[in-house]
Amino acid sequence: SRTMKKLEDLLGVPLFERGKNKIEMNENGRLAVEYARKVLEDADLLVE
């Protein structure tokens, strides 16, 4: 949770909708996941 809060701070946008005992990814988060997958794929390709 702390890591995700730090990531939100770095991006400057909320990635999750937080409720009482519940956290759910919002549209920002879903878009971030798409780009995160691409970045990690590119990083793997770089190493290869």
All heavy atoms as atom14 arrays in JSON, in Angstrom:
{
  "sequence": "SRTMKKLEDLLGVPLFERGKNKIEMNENGRLAVEYARKVLEDADLLVE",
  "atom14_mask": [
    [1, 1, 1, 1, 1, 1, 0, 0, 0, 0, 0, 0, 0, 0],
    [1, 1, 1, 1, 1, 1, 1, 1, 1, 1, 1, 0, 0, 0],
    [1, 1, 1, 1, 1, 1, 1, 0, 0, 0, 0, 0, 0, 0],
    [1, 1, 1, 1, 1, 1, 1, 1, 0, 0, 0, 0, 0, 0],
    [1, 1, 1, 1, 1, 1, 1, 1, 1, 0, 0, 0, 0, 0],
    [1, 1, 1, 1, 1, 1, 1, 1, 1, 0, 0, 0, 0, 0],
    [1, 1, 1, 1, 1, 1, 1, 1, 0, 0, 0, 0, 0, 0],
    [1, 1, 1, 1, 1, 1, 1, 1, 1, 0, 0, 0, 0, 0],
    [1, 1, 1, 1, 1, 1, 1, 1, 0, 0, 0, 0, 0, 0],
    [1, 1, 1, 1, 1, 1, 1, 1, 0, 0, 0, 0, 0, 0],
    [1, 1, 1, 1, 1, 1, 1, 1, 0, 0, 0, 0, 0, 0],
    [1, 1, 1, 1, 0, 0, 0, 0, 0, 0, 0, 0, 0, 0],
    [1, 1, 1, 1, 1, 1, 1, 0, 0, 0, 0, 0, 0, 0],
    [1, 1, 1, 1, 1, 1, 1, 0, 0, 0, 0, 0, 0, 0],
    [1, 1, 1, 1, 1, 1, 1, 1, 0, 0, 0, 0, 0, 0],
    [1, 1, 1, 1, 1, 1, 1, 1, 1, 1, 1, 0, 0, 0],
    [1, 1, 1, 1, 1, 1, 1, 1, 1, 0, 0, 0, 0, 0],
    [1, 1, 1, 1, 1, 1, 1, 1, 1, 1, 1, 0, 0, 0],
    [1, 1, 1, 1, 0, 0, 0, 0, 0, 0, 0, 0, 0, 0],
    [1, 1, 1, 1, 1, 1, 1, 1, 1, 0, 0, 0, 0, 0],
    [1, 1, 1, 1, 1, 1, 1, 1, 0, 0, 0, 0, 0, 0],
    [1, 1, 1, 1, 1, 1, 1, 1, 1, 0, 0, 0, 0, 0],
    [1, 1, 1, 1, 1, 1, 1, 1, 0, 0, 0, 0, 0, 0],
    [1, 1, 1, 1, 1, 1, 1, 1, 1, 0, 0, 0, 0, 0],
    [1, 1, 1, 1, 1, 1, 1, 1, 0, 0, 0, 0, 0, 0],
    [1, 1, 1, 1, 1, 1, 1, 1, 0, 0, 0, 0, 0, 0],
    [1, 1, 1, 1, 1, 1, 1, 1, 1, 0, 0, 0, 0, 0],
    [1, 1, 1, 1, 1, 1, 1, 1, 0, 0, 0, 0, 0, 0],
    [1, 1, 1, 1, 0, 0, 0, 0, 0, 0, 0, 0, 0, 0],
    [1, 1, 1, 1, 1, 1, 1, 1, 1, 1, 1, 0, 0, 0],
    [1, 1, 1, 1, 1, 1, 1, 1, 0, 0, 0, 0, 0, 0],
    [1, 1, 1, 1, 1, 0, 0, 0, 0, 0, 0, 0, 0, 0],
    [1, 1, 1, 1, 1, 1, 1, 0, 0, 0, 0, 0, 0, 0],
    [1, 1, 1, 1, 1, 1, 1, 1, 1, 0, 0, 0, 0, 0],
    [1, 1, 1, 1, 1, 1, 1, 1, 1, 1, 1, 1, 0, 0],
    [1, 1, 1, 1, 1, 0, 0, 0, 0, 0, 0, 0, 0, 0],
    [1, 1, 1, 1, 1, 1, 1, 1, 1, 1, 1, 0, 0, 0],
    [1, 1, 1, 1, 1, 1, 1, 1, 1, 0, 0, 0, 0, 0],
    [1, 1, 1, 1, 1, 1, 1, 0, 0, 0, 0, 0, 0, 0],
    [1, 1, 1, 1, 1, 1, 1, 1, 0, 0, 0, 0, 0, 0],
    [1, 1, 1, 1, 1, 1, 1, 1, 1, 0, 0, 0, 0, 0],
    [1, 1, 1, 1, 1, 1, 1, 1, 0, 0, 0, 0, 0, 0],
    [1, 1, 1, 1, 1, 0, 0, 0, 0, 0, 0, 0, 0, 0],
    [1, 1, 1, 1, 1, 1, 1, 1, 0, 0, 0, 0, 0, 0],
    [1, 1, 1, 1, 1, 1, 1, 1, 0, 0, 0, 0, 0, 0],
    [1, 1, 1, 1, 1, 1, 1, 1, 0, 0, 0, 0, 0, 0],
    [1, 1, 1, 1, 1, 1, 1, 0, 0, 0, 0, 0, 0, 0],
    [1, 1, 1, 1, 1, 1, 1, 1, 1, 0, 0, 0, 0, 0]
  ],
  "atom14_positions": [
    [[0.82, -1.2, 0.0], [0.0, 0.0, 0.0], [0.86, 1.27, 0.0], [0.58, 2.23, -0.72], [-0.93, -0.01, 1.22], [-1.79, 1.1, 1.19], [0.0, 0.0, 0.0], [0.0, 0.0, 0.0], [0.0, 0.0, 0.0], [0.0, 0.0, 0.0], [0.0, 0.0, 0.0], [0.0, 0.0, 0.0], [0.0, 0.0, 0.0], [0.0, 0.0, 0.0]],
    [[1.94, 1.26, 0.77], [2.86, 2.41, 0.8], [3.52, 2.62, -0.56], [3.68, 3.74, -1.02], [3.93, 2.22, 1.88], [3.46, 2.54, 3.27], [4.63, 2.59, 4.25], [5.39, 1.35, 4.31], [5.11, 0.32, 5.12], [4.08, 0.38, 5.94], [5.85, -0.76, 5.1], [0.0, 0.0, 0.0], [0.0, 0.0, 0.0], [0.0, 0.0, 0.0]],
    [[3.91, 1.51, -1.19], [4.54, 1.61, -2.51], [3.57, 2.21, -3.52], [3.96, 3.05, -4.33], [5.0, 0.22, -3.0], [5.93, -0.32, -2.06], [5.66, 0.3, -4.37], [0.0, 0.0, 0.0], [0.0, 0.0, 0.0], [0.0, 0.0, 0.0], [0.0, 0.0, 0.0], [0.0, 0.0, 0.0], [0.0, 0.0, 0.0], [0.0, 0.0, 0.0]],
    [[2.31, 1.8, -3.47], [1.33, 2.33, -4.4], [1.04, 3.8, -4.12], [0.84, 4.59, -5.04], [0.03, 1.51, -4.36], [0.18, 0.13, -4.95], [0.72, 0.13, -6.68], [2.45, -0.28, -6.54], [0.0, 0.0, 0.0], [0.0, 0.0, 0.0], [0.0, 0.0, 0.0], [0.0, 0.0, 0.0], [0.0, 0.0, 0.0], [0.0, 0.0, 0.0]],
    [[1.04, 4.18, -2.86], [0.84, 5.59, -2.5], [2.01, 6.42, -3.04], [1.82, 7.51, -3.57], [0.7, 5.74, -0.99], [0.42, 7.15, -0.55], [-0.91, 7.62, -1.07], [-1.19, 9.03, -0.56], [-1.9, 9.83, -1.55], [0.0, 0.0, 0.0], [0.0, 0.0, 0.0], [0.0, 0.0, 0.0], [0.0, 0.0, 0.0], [0.0, 0.0, 0.0]],
    [[3.23, 5.88, -2.94], [4.41, 6.57, -3.45], [4.32, 6.72, -4.97], [4.65, 7.77, -5.53], [5.68, 5.82, -3.08], [6.96, 6.55, -3.47], [8.2, 5.7, -3.3], [8.65, 5.66, -1.87], [9.96, 4.96, -1.75], [0.0, 0.0, 0.0], [0.0, 0.0, 0.0], [0.0, 0.0, 0.0], [0.0, 0.0, 0.0], [0.0, 0.0, 0.0]],
    [[3.84, 5.67, -5.65], [3.68, 5.71, -7.1], [2.63, 6.77, -7.48], [2.84, 7.54, -8.43], [3.28, 4.34, -7.64], [3.12, 4.21, -9.16], [4.41, 4.59, -9.89], [2.68, 2.8, -9.53], [0.0, 0.0, 0.0], [0.0, 0.0, 0.0], [0.0, 0.0, 0.0], [0.0, 0.0, 0.0], [0.0, 0.0, 0.0], [0.0, 0.0, 0.0]],
    [[1.55, 6.83, -6.75], [0.53, 7.85, -7.0], [1.12, 9.25, -6.82], [0.84, 10.15, -7.61], [-0.66, 7.68, -6.05], [-1.53, 6.49, -6.39], [-2.67, 6.29, -5.42], [-2.43, 6.43, -4.19], [-3.78, 5.99, -5.87], [0.0, 0.0, 0.0], [0.0, 0.0, 0.0], [0.0, 0.0, 0.0], [0.0, 0.0, 0.0], [0.0, 0.0, 0.0]],
    [[1.94, 9.43, -5.81], [2.58, 10.73, -5.57], [3.52, 11.09, -6.71], [3.57, 12.25, -7.14], [3.33, 10.73, -4.24], [2.41, 10.65, -3.04], [1.2, 10.93, -3.18], [2.91, 10.31, -1.94], [0.0, 0.0, 0.0], [0.0, 0.0, 0.0], [0.0, 0.0, 0.0], [0.0, 0.0, 0.0], [0.0, 0.0, 0.0], [0.0, 0.0, 0.0]],
    [[4.27, 10.1, -7.21], [5.17, 10.36, -8.33], [4.42, 10.74, -9.6], [4.84, 11.62, -10.34], [6.04, 9.14, -8.6], [7.17, 8.87, -7.61], [7.74, 7.47, -7.82], [8.26, 9.91, -7.74], [0.0, 0.0, 0.0], [0.0, 0.0, 0.0], [0.0, 0.0, 0.0], [0.0, 0.0, 0.0], [0.0, 0.0, 0.0], [0.0, 0.0, 0.0]],
    [[3.3, 10.06, -9.84], [2.51, 10.34, -11.03], [1.65, 11.59, -10.87], [1.25, 12.21, -11.86], [1.62, 9.14, -11.37], [2.36, 7.86, -11.8], [1.4, 6.71, -11.92], [3.09, 8.09, -13.1], [0.0, 0.0, 0.0], [0.0, 0.0, 0.0], [0.0, 0.0, 0.0], [0.0, 0.0, 0.0], [0.0, 0.0, 0.0], [0.0, 0.0, 0.0]],
    [[1.33, 11.91, -9.64], [0.5, 13.08, -9.39], [-0.98, 12.87, -9.61], [-1.73, 13.84, -9.73], [0.0, 0.0, 0.0], [0.0, 0.0, 0.0], [0.0, 0.0, 0.0], [0.0, 0.0, 0.0], [0.0, 0.0, 0.0], [0.0, 0.0, 0.0], [0.0, 0.0, 0.0], [0.0, 0.0, 0.0], [0.0, 0.0, 0.0], [0.0, 0.0, 0.0]],
    [[-1.39, 11.62, -9.69], [-2.81, 11.29, -9.87], [-3.16, 10.08, -9.02], [-2.3, 9.23, -8.76], [-3.15, 10.97, -11.35], [-2.92, 12.17, -12.25], [-2.37, 9.78, -11.87], [0.0, 0.0, 0.0], [0.0, 0.0, 0.0], [0.0, 0.0, 0.0], [0.0, 0.0, 0.0], [0.0, 0.0, 0.0], [0.0, 0.0, 0.0], [0.0, 0.0, 0.0]],
    [[-4.42, 9.96, -8.59], [-4.81, 8.75, -7.86], [-4.99, 7.58, -8.83], [-5.5, 7.75, -9.94], [-6.15, 9.15, -7.23], [-6.69, 10.22, -8.1], [-5.5, 10.94, -8.66], [0.0, 0.0, 0.0], [0.0, 0.0, 0.0], [0.0, 0.0, 0.0], [0.0, 0.0, 0.0], [0.0, 0.0, 0.0], [0.0, 0.0, 0.0], [0.0, 0.0, 0.0]],
    [[-4.53, 6.42, -8.41], [-4.67, 5.21, -9.22], [-5.76, 4.29, -8.69], [-6.17, 3.36, -9.37], [-3.34, 4.44, -9.25], [-2.15, 5.2, -9.82], [-0.88, 4.37, -9.67], [-2.37, 5.6, -11.26], [0.0, 0.0, 0.0], [0.0, 0.0, 0.0], [0.0, 0.0, 0.0], [0.0, 0.0, 0.0], [0.0, 0.0, 0.0], [0.0, 0.0, 0.0]],
    [[-6.21, 4.57, -7.46], [-7.17, 3.71, -6.79], [-8.28, 4.54, -6.16], [-8.07, 5.68, -5.76], [-6.48, 2.9, -5.68], [-5.34, 2.05, -6.18], [-4.04, 2.52, -6.11], [-5.57, 0.8, -6.7], [-2.98, 1.76, -6.57], [-4.52, 0.03, -7.17], [-3.23, 0.51, -7.1], [0.0, 0.0, 0.0], [0.0, 0.0, 0.0], [0.0, 0.0, 0.0]],
    [[-9.44, 3.93, -6.07], [-10.54, 4.48, -5.28], [-10.47, 3.75, -3.95], [-10.58, 2.52, -3.9], [-11.9, 4.22, -5.96], [-12.06, 4.88, -7.31], [-12.06, 6.39, -7.23], [-12.54, 6.93, -6.22], [-11.58, 7.02, -8.19], [0.0, 0.0, 0.0], [0.0, 0.0, 0.0], [0.0, 0.0, 0.0], [0.0, 0.0, 0.0], [0.0, 0.0, 0.0]],
    [[-10.26, 4.5, -2.91], [-10.12, 3.9, -1.59], [-11.4, 4.08, -0.8], [-11.95, 5.17, -0.73], [-8.94, 4.53, -0.85], [-7.59, 4.15, -1.44], [-6.46, 4.88, -0.74], [-5.15, 4.38, -1.15], [-4.54, 4.71, -2.25], [-5.1, 5.54, -3.09], [-3.34, 4.2, -2.53], [0.0, 0.0, 0.0], [0.0, 0.0, 0.0], [0.0, 0.0, 0.0]],
    [[-11.85, 2.99, -0.2], [-13.0, 3.02, 0.68], [-12.65, 2.33, 1.99], [-11.51, 1.93, 2.21], [0.0, 0.0, 0.0], [0.0, 0.0, 0.0], [0.0, 0.0, 0.0], [0.0, 0.0, 0.0], [0.0, 0.0, 0.0], [0.0, 0.0, 0.0], [0.0, 0.0, 0.0], [0.0, 0.0, 0.0], [0.0, 0.0, 0.0], [0.0, 0.0, 0.0]],
    [[-13.62, 2.19, 2.83], [-13.39, 1.52, 4.1], [-13.1, 0.05, 3.83], [-13.93, -0.69, 3.33], [-14.62, 1.66, 5.01], [-14.4, 1.12, 6.38], [-15.59, 1.35, 7.27], [-15.29, 0.79, 8.65], [-16.44, 0.97, 9.54], [0.0, 0.0, 0.0], [0.0, 0.0, 0.0], [0.0, 0.0, 0.0], [0.0, 0.0, 0.0], [0.0, 0.0, 0.0]],
    [[-11.88, -0.37, 4.17], [-11.43, -1.75, 3.98], [-11.53, -2.21, 2.53], [-11.73, -3.4, 2.27], [-12.2, -2.71, 4.88], [-11.95, -2.44, 6.33], [-10.87, -2.03, 6.73], [-12.98, -2.63, 7.15], [0.0, 0.0, 0.0], [0.0, 0.0, 0.0], [0.0, 0.0, 0.0], [0.0, 0.0, 0.0], [0.0, 0.0, 0.0], [0.0, 0.0, 0.0]],
    [[-11.43, -1.28, 1.58], [-11.54, -1.66, 0.18], [-10.7, -0.69, -0.67], [-10.67, 0.5, -0.41], [-13.0, -1.59, -0.27], [-13.23, -2.09, -1.66], [-14.7, -2.05, -2.0], [-14.92, -2.55, -3.42], [-16.3, -2.44, -3.83], [0.0, 0.0, 0.0], [0.0, 0.0, 0.0], [0.0, 0.0, 0.0], [0.0, 0.0, 0.0], [0.0, 0.0, 0.0]],
    [[-10.04, -1.24, -1.66], [-9.28, -0.44, -2.61], [-9.57, -1.0, -3.99], [-9.56, -2.21, -4.2], [-7.77, -0.45, -2.27], [-7.02, 0.49, -3.19], [-7.2, -1.83, -2.34], [-5.57, 0.71, -2.79], [0.0, 0.0, 0.0], [0.0, 0.0, 0.0], [0.0, 0.0, 0.0], [0.0, 0.0, 0.0], [0.0, 0.0, 0.0], [0.0, 0.0, 0.0]],
    [[-9.89, -0.12, -4.92], [-10.26, -0.54, -6.26], [-9.55, 0.35, -7.28], [-9.47, 1.56, -7.1], [-11.77, -0.4, -6.41], [-12.34, -1.12, -7.6], [-13.86, -1.1, -7.56], [-14.42, -1.71, -6.63], [-14.44, -0.45, -8.44], [0.0, 0.0, 0.0], [0.0, 0.0, 0.0], [0.0, 0.0, 0.0], [0.0, 0.0, 0.0], [0.0, 0.0, 0.0]],
    [[-9.05, -0.24, -8.34], [-8.32, 0.52, -9.35], [-9.3, 1.38, -10.15], [-10.35, 0.9, -10.56], [-7.58, -0.44, -10.27], [-6.47, 0.2, -11.04], [-5.4, -0.99, -11.85], [-4.45, -1.58, -10.47], [0.0, 0.0, 0.0], [0.0, 0.0, 0.0], [0.0, 0.0, 0.0], [0.0, 0.0, 0.0], [0.0, 0.0, 0.0], [0.0, 0.0, 0.0]],
    [[-8.93, 2.64, -10.36], [-9.76, 3.52, -11.17], [-9.24, 3.56, -12.61], [-8.34, 2.79, -12.97], [-9.83, 4.93, -10.55], [-8.49, 5.62, -10.48], [-7.56, 5.27, -11.2], [-8.38, 6.61, -9.61], [0.0, 0.0, 0.0], [0.0, 0.0, 0.0], [0.0, 0.0, 0.0], [0.0, 0.0, 0.0], [0.0, 0.0, 0.0], [0.0, 0.0, 0.0]],
    [[-9.79, 4.44, -13.44], [-9.39, 4.53, -14.85], [-7.91, 4.91, -14.98], [-7.21, 4.37, -15.85], [-10.25, 5.55, -15.59], [-11.68, 5.11, -15.81], [-11.79, 3.89, -16.69], [-11.08, 3.81, -17.72], [-12.57, 2.98, -16.35], [0.0, 0.0, 0.0], [0.0, 0.0, 0.0], [0.0, 0.0, 0.0], [0.0, 0.0, 0.0], [0.0, 0.0, 0.0]],
    [[-7.44, 5.81, -14.14], [-6.02, 6.17, -14.15], [-5.16, 4.94, -13.9], [-4.13, 4.74, -14.55], [-5.69, 7.22, -13.08], [-6.38, 8.54, -13.32], [-6.71, 8.88, -14.43], [-6.59, 9.28, -12.24], [0.0, 0.0, 0.0], [0.0, 0.0, 0.0], [0.0, 0.0, 0.0], [0.0, 0.0, 0.0], [0.0, 0.0, 0.0], [0.0, 0.0, 0.0]],
    [[-5.57, 4.14, -12.94], [-4.83, 2.93, -12.6], [-4.81, 1.94, -13.74], [-3.77, 1.32, -14.03], [0.0, 0.0, 0.0], [0.0, 0.0, 0.0], [0.0, 0.0, 0.0], [0.0, 0.0, 0.0], [0.0, 0.0, 0.0], [0.0, 0.0, 0.0], [0.0, 0.0, 0.0], [0.0, 0.0, 0.0], [0.0, 0.0, 0.0], [0.0, 0.0, 0.0]],
    [[-5.95, 1.77, -14.4], [-6.01, 0.82, -15.52], [-5.11, 1.28, -16.68], [-4.43, 0.47, -17.31], [-7.45, 0.61, -15.97], [-8.24, -0.23, -14.97], [-9.61, -0.61, -15.51], [-10.6, 0.45, -15.29], [-11.24, 0.67, -14.15], [-10.98, -0.07, -13.1], [-12.13, 1.63, -14.05], [0.0, 0.0, 0.0], [0.0, 0.0, 0.0], [0.0, 0.0, 0.0]],
    [[-5.1, 2.58, -16.93], [-4.21, 3.1, -17.97], [-2.75, 2.92, -17.57], [-1.91, 2.53, -18.39], [-4.51, 4.58, -18.24], [-3.67, 5.24, -19.32], [-3.91, 4.59, -20.68], [-3.94, 6.73, -19.39], [0.0, 0.0, 0.0], [0.0, 0.0, 0.0], [0.0, 0.0, 0.0], [0.0, 0.0, 0.0], [0.0, 0.0, 0.0], [0.0, 0.0, 0.0]],
    [[-2.45, 3.18, -16.31], [-1.08, 3.01, -15.81], [-0.64, 1.56, -15.95], [0.53, 1.29, -16.28], [-0.99, 3.47, -14.36], [0.0, 0.0, 0.0], [0.0, 0.0, 0.0], [0.0, 0.0, 0.0], [0.0, 0.0, 0.0], [0.0, 0.0, 0.0], [0.0, 0.0, 0.0], [0.0, 0.0, 0.0], [0.0, 0.0, 0.0], [0.0, 0.0, 0.0]],
    [[-1.54, 0.62, -15.71], [-1.2, -0.81, -15.85], [-0.85, -1.13, -17.31], [0.12, -1.85, -17.57], [-2.36, -1.7, -15.35], [-2.14, -3.15, -15.76], [-2.48, -1.59, -13.84], [0.0, 0.0, 0.0], [0.0, 0.0, 0.0], [0.0, 0.0, 0.0], [0.0, 0.0, 0.0], [0.0, 0.0, 0.0], [0.0, 0.0, 0.0], [0.0, 0.0, 0.0]],
    [[-1.61, -0.58, -18.25], [-1.31, -0.82, -19.67], [0.1, -0.35, -20.0], [0.88, -1.08, -20.64], [-2.3, -0.06, -20.56], [-3.66, -0.67, -20.67], [-4.55, 0.14, -21.59], [-4.05, 0.57, -22.66], [-5.72, 0.36, -21.25], [0.0, 0.0, 0.0], [0.0, 0.0, 0.0], [0.0, 0.0, 0.0], [0.0, 0.0, 0.0], [0.0, 0.0, 0.0]],
    [[0.43, 0.86, -19.58], [1.76, 1.39, -19.87], [2.84, 0.66, -19.09], [3.94, 0.46, -19.6], [1.82, 2.9, -19.59], [1.19, 3.71, -20.7], [-0.05, 4.3, -20.54], [1.83, 3.86, -21.92], [-0.63, 5.03, -21.56], [1.26, 4.59, -22.95], [0.03, 5.17, -22.76], [-0.54, 5.89, -23.78], [0.0, 0.0, 0.0], [0.0, 0.0, 0.0]],
    [[2.53, 0.25, -17.88], [3.51, -0.5, -17.08], [3.86, -1.82, -17.77], [5.04, -2.21, -17.8], [2.96, -0.76, -15.68], [0.0, 0.0, 0.0], [0.0, 0.0, 0.0], [0.0, 0.0, 0.0], [0.0, 0.0, 0.0], [0.0, 0.0, 0.0], [0.0, 0.0, 0.0], [0.0, 0.0, 0.0], [0.0, 0.0, 0.0], [0.0, 0.0, 0.0]],
    [[2.87, -2.48, -18.32], [3.14, -3.73, -19.04], [4.08, -3.48, -20.23], [5.01, -4.25, -20.47], [1.84, -4.36, -19.52], [1.0, -4.95, -18.41], [-0.23, -5.66, -18.98], [-1.25, -5.88, -17.99], [-1.27, -6.85, -17.1], [-0.28, -7.7, -17.06], [-2.27, -6.97, -16.25], [0.0, 0.0, 0.0], [0.0, 0.0, 0.0], [0.0, 0.0, 0.0]],
    [[3.81, -2.39, -20.97], [4.66, -2.06, -22.12], [6.09, -1.74, -21.68], [7.05, -2.17, -22.32], [4.07, -0.88, -22.88], [2.79, -1.21, -23.61], [2.21, 0.02, -24.28], [0.85, -0.29, -24.87], [0.22, 0.9, -25.46], [0.0, 0.0, 0.0], [0.0, 0.0, 0.0], [0.0, 0.0, 0.0], [0.0, 0.0, 0.0], [0.0, 0.0, 0.0]],
    [[6.21, -0.97, -20.61], [7.55, -0.6, -20.12], [8.33, -1.84, -19.7], [9.5, -1.99, -20.03], [7.43, 0.4, -18.95], [8.75, 0.55, -18.21], [6.94, 1.76, -19.44], [0.0, 0.0, 0.0], [0.0, 0.0, 0.0], [0.0, 0.0, 0.0], [0.0, 0.0, 0.0], [0.0, 0.0, 0.0], [0.0, 0.0, 0.0], [0.0, 0.0, 0.0]],
    [[7.67, -2.75, -18.99], [8.36, -3.96, -18.54], [8.71, -4.87, -19.72], [9.78, -5.49, -19.73], [7.53, -4.71, -17.51], [7.4, -3.98, -16.16], [6.5, -4.76, -15.23], [8.75, -3.74, -15.52], [0.0, 0.0, 0.0], [0.0, 0.0, 0.0], [0.0, 0.0, 0.0], [0.0, 0.0, 0.0], [0.0, 0.0, 0.0], [0.0, 0.0, 0.0]],
    [[7.83, -4.94, -20.73], [8.15, -5.7, -21.93], [9.37, -5.1, -22.63], [10.27, -5.83, -23.06], [6.97, -5.71, -22.9], [5.84, -6.62, -22.5], [4.65, -6.5, -23.44], [4.82, -6.01, -24.58], [3.55, -6.89, -23.04], [0.0, 0.0, 0.0], [0.0, 0.0, 0.0], [0.0, 0.0, 0.0], [0.0, 0.0, 0.0], [0.0, 0.0, 0.0]],
    [[9.4, -3.77, -22.73], [10.54, -3.11, -23.36], [11.82, -3.32, -22.55], [12.91, -3.46, -23.12], [10.27, -1.61, -23.53], [9.3, -1.31, -24.66], [9.03, -2.22, -25.47], [8.8, -0.17, -24.72], [0.0, 0.0, 0.0], [0.0, 0.0, 0.0], [0.0, 0.0, 0.0], [0.0, 0.0, 0.0], [0.0, 0.0, 0.0], [0.0, 0.0, 0.0]],
    [[11.71, -3.32, -21.24], [12.88, -3.56, -20.4], [13.41, -4.97, -20.61], [14.63, -5.18, -20.7], [12.54, -3.33, -18.93], [0.0, 0.0, 0.0], [0.0, 0.0, 0.0], [0.0, 0.0, 0.0], [0.0, 0.0, 0.0], [0.0, 0.0, 0.0], [0.0, 0.0, 0.0], [0.0, 0.0, 0.0], [0.0, 0.0, 0.0], [0.0, 0.0, 0.0]],
    [[12.51, -5.95, -20.71], [12.93, -7.33, -20.97], [13.58, -7.43, -22.35], [14.58, -8.14, -22.53], [11.73, -8.28, -20.88], [11.22, -8.44, -19.46], [11.96, -8.11, -18.5], [10.06, -8.89, -19.3], [0.0, 0.0, 0.0], [0.0, 0.0, 0.0], [0.0, 0.0, 0.0], [0.0, 0.0, 0.0], [0.0, 0.0, 0.0], [0.0, 0.0, 0.0]],
    [[13.0, -6.74, -23.33], [13.56, -6.74, -24.68], [14.95, -6.11, -24.69], [15.85, -6.6, -25.38], [12.62, -6.0, -25.63], [13.0, -5.98, -27.1], [13.06, -7.4, -27.66], [12.01, -5.13, -27.88], [0.0, 0.0, 0.0], [0.0, 0.0, 0.0], [0.0, 0.0, 0.0], [0.0, 0.0, 0.0], [0.0, 0.0, 0.0], [0.0, 0.0, 0.0]],
    [[15.12, -5.04, -23.93], [16.42, -4.39, -23.83], [17.47, -5.37, -23.33], [18.55, -5.49, -23.92], [16.35, -3.18, -22.89], [17.67, -2.49, -22.61], [17.51, -1.0, -22.75], [18.2, -2.84, -21.24], [0.0, 0.0, 0.0], [0.0, 0.0, 0.0], [0.0, 0.0, 0.0], [0.0, 0.0, 0.0], [0.0, 0.0, 0.0], [0.0, 0.0, 0.0]],
    [[17.16, -6.08, -22.27], [18.11, -7.05, -21.71], [18.43, -8.13, -22.74], [19.59, -8.47, -22.96], [17.54, -7.67, -20.41], [18.4, -8.84, -19.95], [17.42, -6.62, -19.32], [0.0, 0.0, 0.0], [0.0, 0.0, 0.0], [0.0, 0.0, 0.0], [0.0, 0.0, 0.0], [0.0, 0.0, 0.0], [0.0, 0.0, 0.0], [0.0, 0.0, 0.0]],
    [[17.4, -8.63, -23.39], [17.58, -9.7, -24.37], [18.46, -9.23, -25.54], [19.4, -9.93, -25.94], [16.21, -10.13, -24.89], [16.23, -11.2, -25.95], [14.84, -11.5, -26.47], [13.89, -11.54, -25.66], [14.72, -11.69, -27.69], [0.0, 0.0, 0.0], [0.0, 0.0, 0.0], [0.0, 0.0, 0.0], [0.0, 0.0, 0.0], [0.0, 0.0, 0.0]]
  ]
}
